[in-house]
N, C-alpha and C. Protein backbone atom coordinates (compact mmCIF):
# COMPACT_ATOMS: atom_id res chain seq x y z
N UNK A 1 0.81 -1.20 -0.04
CA UNK A 1 0.02 -0.03 0.03
C UNK A 1 0.82 1.24 -0.03
N UNK A 2 0.58 2.19 -0.85
CA UNK A 2 1.46 3.32 -0.97
C UNK A 2 0.90 4.47 0.04
N UNK A 3 1.91 5.14 0.65
CA UNK A 3 1.52 6.15 1.60
C UNK A 3 2.36 7.33 1.26
N UNK A 4 1.77 8.56 1.54
CA UNK A 4 2.60 9.81 1.55
C UNK A 4 2.19 10.55 2.74
N UNK A 5 3.23 11.36 3.21
CA UNK A 5 2.97 12.17 4.34
C UNK A 5 2.68 13.69 3.93
N UNK A 6 1.54 14.21 4.37
CA UNK A 6 1.10 15.48 3.94
C UNK A 6 0.65 16.18 5.10
N UNK A 7 1.29 17.38 5.53
CA UNK A 7 0.89 18.21 6.70
C UNK A 7 0.70 17.38 7.94
N UNK A 8 1.78 16.52 8.29
CA UNK A 8 1.69 15.69 9.47
C UNK A 8 0.57 14.65 9.50
N UNK A 9 -0.02 14.39 8.38
CA UNK A 9 -1.02 13.27 8.31
C UNK A 9 -0.59 12.36 7.33
N UNK A 10 -0.48 11.08 7.66
CA UNK A 10 -0.13 10.02 6.66
C UNK A 10 -1.39 9.66 5.89
N UNK A 11 -1.24 9.85 4.54
CA UNK A 11 -2.35 9.55 3.64
C UNK A 11 -2.13 8.30 2.89
N UNK A 12 -3.03 7.32 2.96
CA UNK A 12 -2.83 6.04 2.25
C UNK A 12 -3.44 6.27 0.82
N UNK A 13 -3.06 5.40 -0.03
CA UNK A 13 -3.55 5.48 -1.42
C UNK A 13 -5.04 5.06 -1.41
N UNK A 14 -5.43 4.24 -0.51
CA UNK A 14 -6.88 3.79 -0.41
C UNK A 14 -7.33 3.96 0.94
N UNK A 15 -8.55 4.22 1.17
CA UNK A 15 -9.16 4.25 2.49
C UNK A 15 -9.00 5.66 3.20
N UNK A 16 -9.30 5.63 4.43
CA UNK A 16 -9.24 6.83 5.18
C UNK A 16 -7.89 7.17 5.69
N UNK A 17 -7.54 8.46 5.94
CA UNK A 17 -6.14 8.81 6.28
C UNK A 17 -5.83 8.16 7.67
N UNK A 18 -4.54 7.79 7.82
CA UNK A 18 -4.01 7.18 9.02
C UNK A 18 -3.81 8.28 10.00
N UNK A 19 -4.13 8.10 11.31
CA UNK A 19 -3.97 9.11 12.32
C UNK A 19 -2.55 9.24 12.85
N UNK A 20 -1.67 8.37 12.32
CA UNK A 20 -0.29 8.45 12.87
C UNK A 20 0.44 9.75 12.47
N UNK A 21 1.10 10.24 13.52
CA UNK A 21 2.07 11.39 13.35
C UNK A 21 3.33 11.08 14.07
N UNK A 22 4.40 11.45 13.63
CA UNK A 22 5.72 11.14 14.30
C UNK A 22 5.74 11.60 15.75
N UNK A 23 5.08 12.66 16.07
CA UNK A 23 5.02 13.12 17.46
C UNK A 23 4.58 12.15 18.55
N UNK A 24 3.77 11.16 18.01
CA UNK A 24 3.23 10.13 18.92
C UNK A 24 4.42 9.31 19.55
N UNK A 25 5.52 9.24 18.92
CA UNK A 25 6.63 8.54 19.61
C UNK A 25 7.02 9.20 20.92
N UNK A 26 7.27 10.48 20.83
CA UNK A 26 7.57 11.16 22.12
C UNK A 26 6.38 11.11 23.07
N UNK A 27 5.15 11.27 22.66
CA UNK A 27 3.95 11.18 23.54
C UNK A 27 3.88 9.86 24.23
N UNK A 28 4.22 8.84 23.50
CA UNK A 28 4.19 7.43 24.08
C UNK A 28 5.24 7.35 25.19
N UNK A 29 6.51 7.77 24.92
CA UNK A 29 7.59 7.75 25.92
C UNK A 29 7.19 8.57 27.14
N UNK A 30 6.59 9.76 26.86
CA UNK A 30 6.26 10.72 27.99
C UNK A 30 5.15 10.10 28.84
N UNK A 31 4.17 9.34 28.20
CA UNK A 31 3.14 8.71 28.88
C UNK A 31 3.66 7.69 29.85
N UNK A 32 4.72 6.94 29.51
CA UNK A 32 5.28 5.83 30.31
C UNK A 32 6.32 6.33 31.21
N UNK A 33 6.80 7.50 31.03
CA UNK A 33 7.96 8.01 31.86
C UNK A 33 7.47 8.56 33.20
N UNK A 34 7.04 7.75 34.11
CA UNK A 34 6.55 8.19 35.43
C UNK A 34 7.35 7.53 36.55
N UNK A 35 7.33 8.12 37.62
CA UNK A 35 8.00 7.41 38.81
C UNK A 35 7.16 6.26 39.16
N UNK A 36 7.73 5.22 39.67
CA UNK A 36 6.97 3.97 40.04
C UNK A 36 5.98 4.26 41.23
N UNK A 37 6.32 5.17 42.20
CA UNK A 37 5.49 5.44 43.34
C UNK A 37 5.54 6.86 43.77
N UNK A 38 4.69 7.32 44.62
CA UNK A 38 4.70 8.68 45.18
C UNK A 38 4.90 8.48 46.68
N UNK A 39 5.88 9.24 47.18
CA UNK A 39 6.10 9.20 48.68
C UNK A 39 5.16 10.25 49.34
N UNK A 40 4.56 9.82 50.39
CA UNK A 40 3.61 10.64 51.13
C UNK A 40 4.33 11.06 52.43
N UNK A 41 4.27 12.23 52.74
CA UNK A 41 4.91 12.76 54.02
C UNK A 41 3.85 13.36 54.90
N UNK A 42 4.00 13.42 56.15
CA UNK A 42 3.10 13.98 57.27
C UNK A 42 3.87 14.92 58.02
N UNK A 43 3.37 15.78 58.68
CA UNK A 43 3.96 16.72 59.55
C UNK A 43 3.97 16.09 61.00
N UNK A 44 5.12 16.12 61.69
CA UNK A 44 5.16 15.64 63.02
C UNK A 44 4.73 16.76 63.94
N UNK A 45 4.59 16.45 65.19
CA UNK A 45 4.07 17.48 66.13
C UNK A 45 5.00 18.62 66.32
N UNK A 46 6.32 18.36 66.05
CA UNK A 46 7.27 19.50 66.17
C UNK A 46 7.50 20.24 64.80
N UNK A 47 6.51 19.93 63.80
CA UNK A 47 6.49 20.71 62.57
C UNK A 47 7.49 20.16 61.46
N UNK A 48 8.14 18.97 61.72
CA UNK A 48 9.04 18.46 60.71
C UNK A 48 8.23 17.48 59.81
N UNK A 49 8.70 17.42 58.54
CA UNK A 49 8.13 16.57 57.56
C UNK A 49 8.70 15.16 57.75
N UNK A 50 7.75 14.16 57.97
CA UNK A 50 8.19 12.80 58.25
C UNK A 50 7.58 11.84 57.18
N UNK A 51 8.40 11.01 56.70
CA UNK A 51 7.90 10.03 55.70
C UNK A 51 6.88 9.16 56.27
N UNK A 52 5.77 9.00 55.55
CA UNK A 52 4.63 8.24 55.89
C UNK A 52 4.46 6.97 55.22
N UNK A 53 4.35 7.00 53.90
CA UNK A 53 4.17 5.79 53.09
C UNK A 53 4.52 6.04 51.58
N UNK A 54 4.66 4.91 50.85
CA UNK A 54 4.75 4.99 49.39
C UNK A 54 3.42 4.42 48.72
N UNK A 55 2.94 5.17 47.78
CA UNK A 55 1.80 4.80 47.11
C UNK A 55 2.14 4.54 45.58
N UNK A 56 1.80 3.37 45.11
CA UNK A 56 2.18 3.08 43.69
C UNK A 56 1.42 4.00 42.74
N UNK A 57 2.05 4.59 41.75
CA UNK A 57 1.33 5.28 40.68
C UNK A 57 0.65 4.24 39.77
N UNK A 58 -0.36 4.66 39.02
CA UNK A 58 -1.06 3.82 38.11
C UNK A 58 0.02 3.34 37.11
N UNK A 59 0.02 2.02 36.90
CA UNK A 59 0.79 1.41 35.89
C UNK A 59 0.40 1.85 34.51
N UNK A 60 1.27 2.47 33.68
CA UNK A 60 0.86 2.88 32.38
C UNK A 60 0.73 1.65 31.51
N UNK A 61 -0.37 1.70 30.73
CA UNK A 61 -0.67 0.59 29.82
C UNK A 61 -0.86 1.03 28.40
N UNK A 62 -0.48 0.15 27.48
CA UNK A 62 -0.56 0.44 26.01
C UNK A 62 -2.02 0.84 25.68
N UNK A 63 -2.97 0.14 26.11
CA UNK A 63 -4.45 0.44 25.78
C UNK A 63 -4.87 1.68 26.30
N UNK A 64 -4.35 2.11 27.48
CA UNK A 64 -4.72 3.40 28.01
C UNK A 64 -4.11 4.59 27.19
N UNK A 65 -2.83 4.31 26.81
CA UNK A 65 -2.24 5.34 25.89
C UNK A 65 -3.04 5.52 24.57
N UNK A 66 -3.43 4.36 24.08
CA UNK A 66 -4.19 4.37 22.83
C UNK A 66 -5.52 5.22 22.88
N UNK A 67 -6.18 5.06 24.02
CA UNK A 67 -7.44 5.81 24.12
C UNK A 67 -7.16 7.32 24.34
N UNK A 68 -6.02 7.70 24.90
CA UNK A 68 -5.70 9.10 25.08
C UNK A 68 -5.49 9.81 23.71
N UNK A 69 -5.11 9.04 22.75
CA UNK A 69 -4.96 9.64 21.32
C UNK A 69 -6.05 9.27 20.38
N UNK A 70 -7.08 8.62 20.92
CA UNK A 70 -8.22 8.28 20.13
C UNK A 70 -8.18 7.13 19.19
N UNK A 71 -7.42 6.15 19.57
CA UNK A 71 -7.28 4.93 18.73
C UNK A 71 -7.44 3.70 19.55
N UNK A 72 -7.53 2.50 18.92
CA UNK A 72 -7.48 1.33 19.66
C UNK A 72 -6.17 0.69 19.85
N UNK A 73 -6.07 -0.25 20.77
CA UNK A 73 -4.71 -0.94 20.98
C UNK A 73 -4.23 -1.58 19.68
N UNK A 74 -5.08 -2.20 18.90
CA UNK A 74 -4.63 -2.90 17.74
C UNK A 74 -3.91 -1.95 16.70
N UNK A 75 -4.33 -0.73 16.76
CA UNK A 75 -3.62 0.34 15.96
C UNK A 75 -2.19 0.52 16.28
N UNK A 76 -2.02 0.57 17.65
CA UNK A 76 -0.64 0.72 18.24
C UNK A 76 0.27 -0.37 17.63
N UNK A 77 -0.22 -1.61 17.65
CA UNK A 77 0.54 -2.74 17.17
C UNK A 77 0.79 -2.58 15.58
N UNK A 78 -0.21 -2.13 14.96
CA UNK A 78 -0.03 -1.94 13.51
C UNK A 78 1.03 -0.89 13.30
N UNK A 79 0.89 0.17 13.97
CA UNK A 79 1.93 1.37 13.78
C UNK A 79 3.38 0.82 14.07
N UNK A 80 3.52 -0.09 15.07
CA UNK A 80 4.86 -0.48 15.47
C UNK A 80 5.40 -1.45 14.36
N UNK A 81 4.58 -2.03 13.59
CA UNK A 81 4.97 -2.83 12.39
C UNK A 81 5.38 -2.01 11.26
N UNK A 82 4.61 -0.86 11.01
CA UNK A 82 4.76 -0.10 9.92
C UNK A 82 5.83 1.07 10.05
N UNK A 83 6.05 1.63 11.28
CA UNK A 83 6.86 2.69 11.48
C UNK A 83 8.04 2.35 12.41
N UNK A 84 9.23 2.27 11.96
CA UNK A 84 10.28 1.82 12.80
C UNK A 84 10.59 2.66 14.00
N UNK A 85 10.42 4.00 13.83
CA UNK A 85 10.57 4.91 14.96
C UNK A 85 9.54 4.74 16.03
N UNK A 86 8.35 4.31 15.60
CA UNK A 86 7.34 4.08 16.70
C UNK A 86 7.60 2.79 17.33
N UNK A 87 8.01 1.84 16.66
CA UNK A 87 8.48 0.51 17.25
C UNK A 87 9.52 0.73 18.31
N UNK A 88 10.51 1.59 18.00
CA UNK A 88 11.65 1.90 18.96
C UNK A 88 10.90 2.63 20.18
N UNK A 89 10.04 3.48 20.00
CA UNK A 89 9.48 4.24 21.10
C UNK A 89 8.64 3.23 21.96
N UNK A 90 7.94 2.31 21.34
CA UNK A 90 7.16 1.27 21.96
C UNK A 90 8.05 0.39 22.88
N UNK A 91 9.19 0.03 22.38
CA UNK A 91 10.20 -0.82 23.11
C UNK A 91 10.65 -0.05 24.32
N UNK A 92 10.95 1.34 24.16
CA UNK A 92 11.39 2.08 25.35
C UNK A 92 10.27 2.09 26.35
N UNK A 93 9.02 2.30 25.94
CA UNK A 93 7.84 2.35 26.77
C UNK A 93 7.64 1.02 27.53
N UNK A 94 7.91 0.03 26.83
CA UNK A 94 7.76 -1.34 27.54
C UNK A 94 8.84 -1.57 28.57
N UNK A 95 10.04 -1.09 28.32
CA UNK A 95 11.09 -1.13 29.38
C UNK A 95 10.72 -0.22 30.50
N UNK A 96 10.19 0.86 30.36
CA UNK A 96 9.70 1.76 31.41
C UNK A 96 8.63 1.08 32.21
N UNK A 97 7.68 0.49 31.48
CA UNK A 97 6.57 -0.29 32.22
C UNK A 97 7.18 -1.40 33.07
N UNK A 98 8.16 -2.15 32.50
CA UNK A 98 8.82 -3.22 33.27
C UNK A 98 9.37 -2.65 34.57
N UNK A 99 10.15 -1.58 34.45
CA UNK A 99 10.80 -1.02 35.59
C UNK A 99 9.79 -0.60 36.67
N UNK A 100 8.69 0.04 36.31
CA UNK A 100 7.69 0.36 37.34
C UNK A 100 7.11 -0.89 37.97
N UNK A 101 6.83 -1.81 37.19
CA UNK A 101 6.16 -3.05 37.71
C UNK A 101 7.10 -3.74 38.56
N UNK A 102 8.32 -3.99 38.21
CA UNK A 102 9.31 -4.75 39.01
C UNK A 102 9.57 -3.98 40.27
N UNK A 103 9.89 -2.63 40.22
CA UNK A 103 10.10 -1.82 41.36
C UNK A 103 9.04 -1.94 42.43
N UNK A 104 7.78 -1.71 41.98
CA UNK A 104 6.61 -1.70 42.96
C UNK A 104 6.38 -3.10 43.45
N UNK A 105 6.62 -4.12 42.63
CA UNK A 105 6.40 -5.47 43.14
C UNK A 105 7.43 -5.80 44.22
N UNK A 106 8.75 -5.51 43.94
CA UNK A 106 9.75 -5.86 44.92
C UNK A 106 9.69 -5.06 46.19
N UNK A 107 9.05 -3.86 46.14
CA UNK A 107 8.91 -3.07 47.31
C UNK A 107 7.59 -3.41 48.00
N UNK A 108 6.90 -4.38 47.57
CA UNK A 108 5.65 -4.82 48.20
C UNK A 108 4.46 -3.93 48.02
N UNK A 109 4.49 -3.03 47.04
CA UNK A 109 3.46 -2.11 46.82
C UNK A 109 2.25 -2.65 46.01
N UNK A 110 2.47 -3.79 45.34
CA UNK A 110 1.42 -4.57 44.71
C UNK A 110 1.24 -5.88 45.46
N UNK A 111 0.08 -6.50 45.31
CA UNK A 111 -0.13 -7.81 45.94
C UNK A 111 0.72 -8.81 45.14
N UNK A 112 1.37 -9.78 45.89
CA UNK A 112 2.15 -10.79 45.16
C UNK A 112 1.39 -11.46 43.91
N UNK A 113 0.11 -11.75 44.11
CA UNK A 113 -0.63 -12.44 43.05
C UNK A 113 -0.71 -11.54 41.85
N UNK A 114 -1.13 -10.25 42.09
CA UNK A 114 -1.16 -9.29 41.00
C UNK A 114 0.09 -9.08 40.32
N UNK A 115 1.23 -9.04 41.05
CA UNK A 115 2.53 -8.86 40.52
C UNK A 115 2.95 -10.01 39.58
N UNK A 116 2.72 -11.23 40.01
CA UNK A 116 3.02 -12.41 39.25
C UNK A 116 2.22 -12.35 37.99
N UNK A 117 0.98 -12.18 38.11
CA UNK A 117 0.06 -12.10 36.88
C UNK A 117 0.51 -11.09 35.87
N UNK A 118 0.80 -9.85 36.44
CA UNK A 118 1.15 -8.77 35.51
C UNK A 118 2.46 -9.06 34.79
N UNK A 119 3.50 -9.52 35.62
CA UNK A 119 4.69 -9.85 35.03
C UNK A 119 4.61 -10.87 33.94
N UNK A 120 3.87 -11.90 34.15
CA UNK A 120 3.76 -12.98 33.12
C UNK A 120 3.08 -12.46 31.95
N UNK A 121 1.91 -11.66 32.06
CA UNK A 121 1.21 -11.23 30.95
C UNK A 121 1.63 -9.93 30.29
N UNK A 122 2.22 -9.05 30.95
CA UNK A 122 2.61 -7.74 30.43
C UNK A 122 3.97 -7.81 29.90
N UNK A 123 4.89 -8.36 30.70
CA UNK A 123 6.36 -8.32 30.35
C UNK A 123 7.01 -9.63 29.97
N UNK A 124 6.14 -10.64 29.94
CA UNK A 124 6.71 -11.93 29.37
C UNK A 124 7.54 -12.75 30.31
N UNK A 125 7.47 -12.58 31.65
CA UNK A 125 8.16 -13.33 32.61
C UNK A 125 7.54 -14.74 32.63
N UNK A 126 8.39 -15.74 32.91
CA UNK A 126 7.89 -17.09 33.00
C UNK A 126 8.51 -17.69 34.16
N UNK A 127 7.84 -18.75 34.70
CA UNK A 127 8.39 -19.54 35.76
C UNK A 127 9.44 -20.45 35.19
N UNK A 128 10.59 -20.57 35.95
CA UNK A 128 11.72 -21.36 35.55
C UNK A 128 11.56 -22.75 36.17
N UNK A 129 11.47 -23.79 35.34
CA UNK A 129 11.37 -25.14 35.90
C UNK A 129 12.67 -25.80 35.76
N UNK A 130 13.13 -26.34 36.98
CA UNK A 130 14.43 -27.04 36.89
C UNK A 130 14.12 -28.39 37.31
N UNK A 131 14.82 -29.39 36.63
CA UNK A 131 14.66 -30.79 36.97
C UNK A 131 16.09 -31.38 37.03
N UNK A 132 16.15 -32.43 37.87
CA UNK A 132 17.44 -33.11 37.95
C UNK A 132 17.29 -34.53 37.75
N UNK A 133 18.07 -35.21 36.90
CA UNK A 133 18.06 -36.65 36.65
C UNK A 133 19.27 -37.25 37.05
N UNK A 134 19.23 -38.43 37.72
CA UNK A 134 20.36 -39.21 38.05
C UNK A 134 20.34 -40.44 37.15
N UNK A 135 21.39 -40.73 36.41
CA UNK A 135 21.43 -41.88 35.54
C UNK A 135 22.54 -42.74 36.06
N UNK A 136 22.31 -43.99 36.26
CA UNK A 136 23.35 -44.91 36.73
C UNK A 136 23.63 -45.91 35.64
N UNK A 137 24.82 -46.10 35.27
CA UNK A 137 25.23 -47.12 34.32
C UNK A 137 26.66 -47.59 34.58
N UNK A 138 26.82 -48.73 34.12
CA UNK A 138 28.33 -49.28 34.17
C UNK A 138 29.03 -49.12 32.91
N UNK A 139 30.26 -49.10 32.88
CA UNK A 139 31.06 -49.00 31.63
C UNK A 139 30.87 -50.35 30.90
N UNK A 140 30.83 -51.45 31.54
CA UNK A 140 30.59 -52.68 30.86
C UNK A 140 29.28 -52.75 30.13
N UNK A 141 28.19 -52.29 30.76
CA UNK A 141 26.82 -52.40 30.03
C UNK A 141 26.81 -51.38 28.96
N UNK A 142 27.42 -50.24 29.09
CA UNK A 142 27.51 -49.20 28.08
C UNK A 142 28.32 -49.81 26.83
N UNK A 143 29.35 -50.54 27.06
CA UNK A 143 30.21 -51.06 26.06
C UNK A 143 29.46 -52.12 25.26
N UNK A 144 28.60 -53.02 26.03
CA UNK A 144 27.80 -54.00 25.40
C UNK A 144 26.74 -53.36 24.44
N UNK A 145 26.22 -52.27 24.92
CA UNK A 145 25.21 -51.56 24.09
C UNK A 145 25.84 -51.06 22.81
N UNK A 146 27.03 -50.51 22.87
CA UNK A 146 27.77 -49.98 21.77
C UNK A 146 28.12 -51.13 20.79
N UNK A 147 28.55 -52.34 21.32
CA UNK A 147 28.86 -53.43 20.48
C UNK A 147 27.59 -53.96 19.82
N UNK A 148 26.53 -53.91 20.57
CA UNK A 148 25.17 -54.28 20.01
C UNK A 148 24.79 -53.43 18.85
N UNK A 149 25.08 -52.16 19.00
CA UNK A 149 24.67 -51.17 17.98
C UNK A 149 25.58 -51.50 16.72
N UNK A 150 26.82 -51.75 16.98
CA UNK A 150 27.68 -52.06 15.81
C UNK A 150 27.39 -53.36 15.14
N UNK A 151 27.00 -54.41 15.88
CA UNK A 151 26.62 -55.60 15.29
C UNK A 151 25.37 -55.49 14.50
N UNK A 152 24.42 -54.61 15.03
CA UNK A 152 23.21 -54.33 14.34
C UNK A 152 23.48 -53.62 12.91
N UNK A 153 24.51 -52.72 13.00
CA UNK A 153 24.88 -52.01 11.78
C UNK A 153 25.51 -52.96 10.75
N UNK A 154 26.37 -53.85 11.36
CA UNK A 154 26.98 -54.97 10.37
C UNK A 154 25.91 -55.75 9.73
N UNK A 155 24.91 -56.14 10.50
CA UNK A 155 23.78 -56.98 10.01
C UNK A 155 23.08 -56.20 8.87
N UNK A 156 22.85 -54.95 9.05
CA UNK A 156 22.20 -54.10 8.10
C UNK A 156 22.98 -54.07 6.80
N UNK A 157 24.24 -53.88 6.96
CA UNK A 157 25.15 -53.74 5.87
C UNK A 157 25.14 -55.09 5.05
N UNK A 158 25.14 -56.26 5.75
CA UNK A 158 25.15 -57.52 5.07
C UNK A 158 23.92 -57.73 4.36
N UNK A 159 22.71 -57.33 4.96
CA UNK A 159 21.46 -57.50 4.20
C UNK A 159 21.40 -56.64 3.00
N UNK A 160 21.85 -55.38 3.16
CA UNK A 160 21.75 -54.46 2.04
C UNK A 160 22.66 -54.98 0.88
N UNK A 161 23.72 -55.61 1.18
CA UNK A 161 24.71 -56.05 0.21
C UNK A 161 24.04 -57.35 -0.54
N UNK A 162 23.27 -58.14 0.21
CA UNK A 162 22.68 -59.28 -0.37
C UNK A 162 21.54 -58.85 -1.31
N UNK A 163 20.76 -57.84 -0.82
CA UNK A 163 19.71 -57.30 -1.68
C UNK A 163 20.30 -56.70 -2.94
N UNK A 164 21.37 -56.03 -2.81
CA UNK A 164 22.02 -55.37 -3.98
C UNK A 164 22.71 -56.46 -4.88
N UNK A 165 22.88 -57.70 -4.39
CA UNK A 165 23.49 -58.68 -5.15
C UNK A 165 25.01 -58.66 -5.18
N UNK A 166 25.58 -58.01 -4.20
CA UNK A 166 27.09 -57.90 -4.16
C UNK A 166 27.66 -58.88 -3.17
N UNK A 167 26.87 -59.51 -2.43
CA UNK A 167 27.49 -60.50 -1.38
C UNK A 167 27.57 -61.90 -1.91
C-alpha cells in the first residue's frame, strides 16, 4: 500500500487517512515515563516533615495510551510494524513499564498475586522449571550396548549387500 505524508498526516492510497504522526513517539515515551510510586509525608508534632508511606502510581498501559490519542490498541501494534521509529518508542515504553512493575512489586506495593500475573502477561516473565536426573550405568553395560549397535549395523550392511546382489 502506498503512503505519503502531507501536513503531518499520513495519507494512504486507499481508505481513510491514518492518524499516525511522528510526534506520537515522544508522547508514548512521555506517557510511560513516570515514577513508580509517590512518597507521602506527614507533619510531626514538632513541625517536621516525616515520611509516611509509598503509594504506587497507576501502571501505564498500552491500551490506556491508545485511548488518550483516540485509537484502539490494535492500531498501536499496526503502527509498530509499519513505522520503525514508533516501534523503537514502543520498546522504550515497554522497558519503562517493566521498571515500574518490578520496582513496585519488589517493594511490596502490589499484591504478590497481581505482581506475578502482570509480570507474566505484560512483560513476558515465565516460571523457571528445573529438573534433575540421575542416571546410573556401568562401563561394561555401556560397552555391550555400543557393541550391539555395531553388530546391528553390520547386519544391516550384510542384508543391504545381499539385496544389491554384491554379497
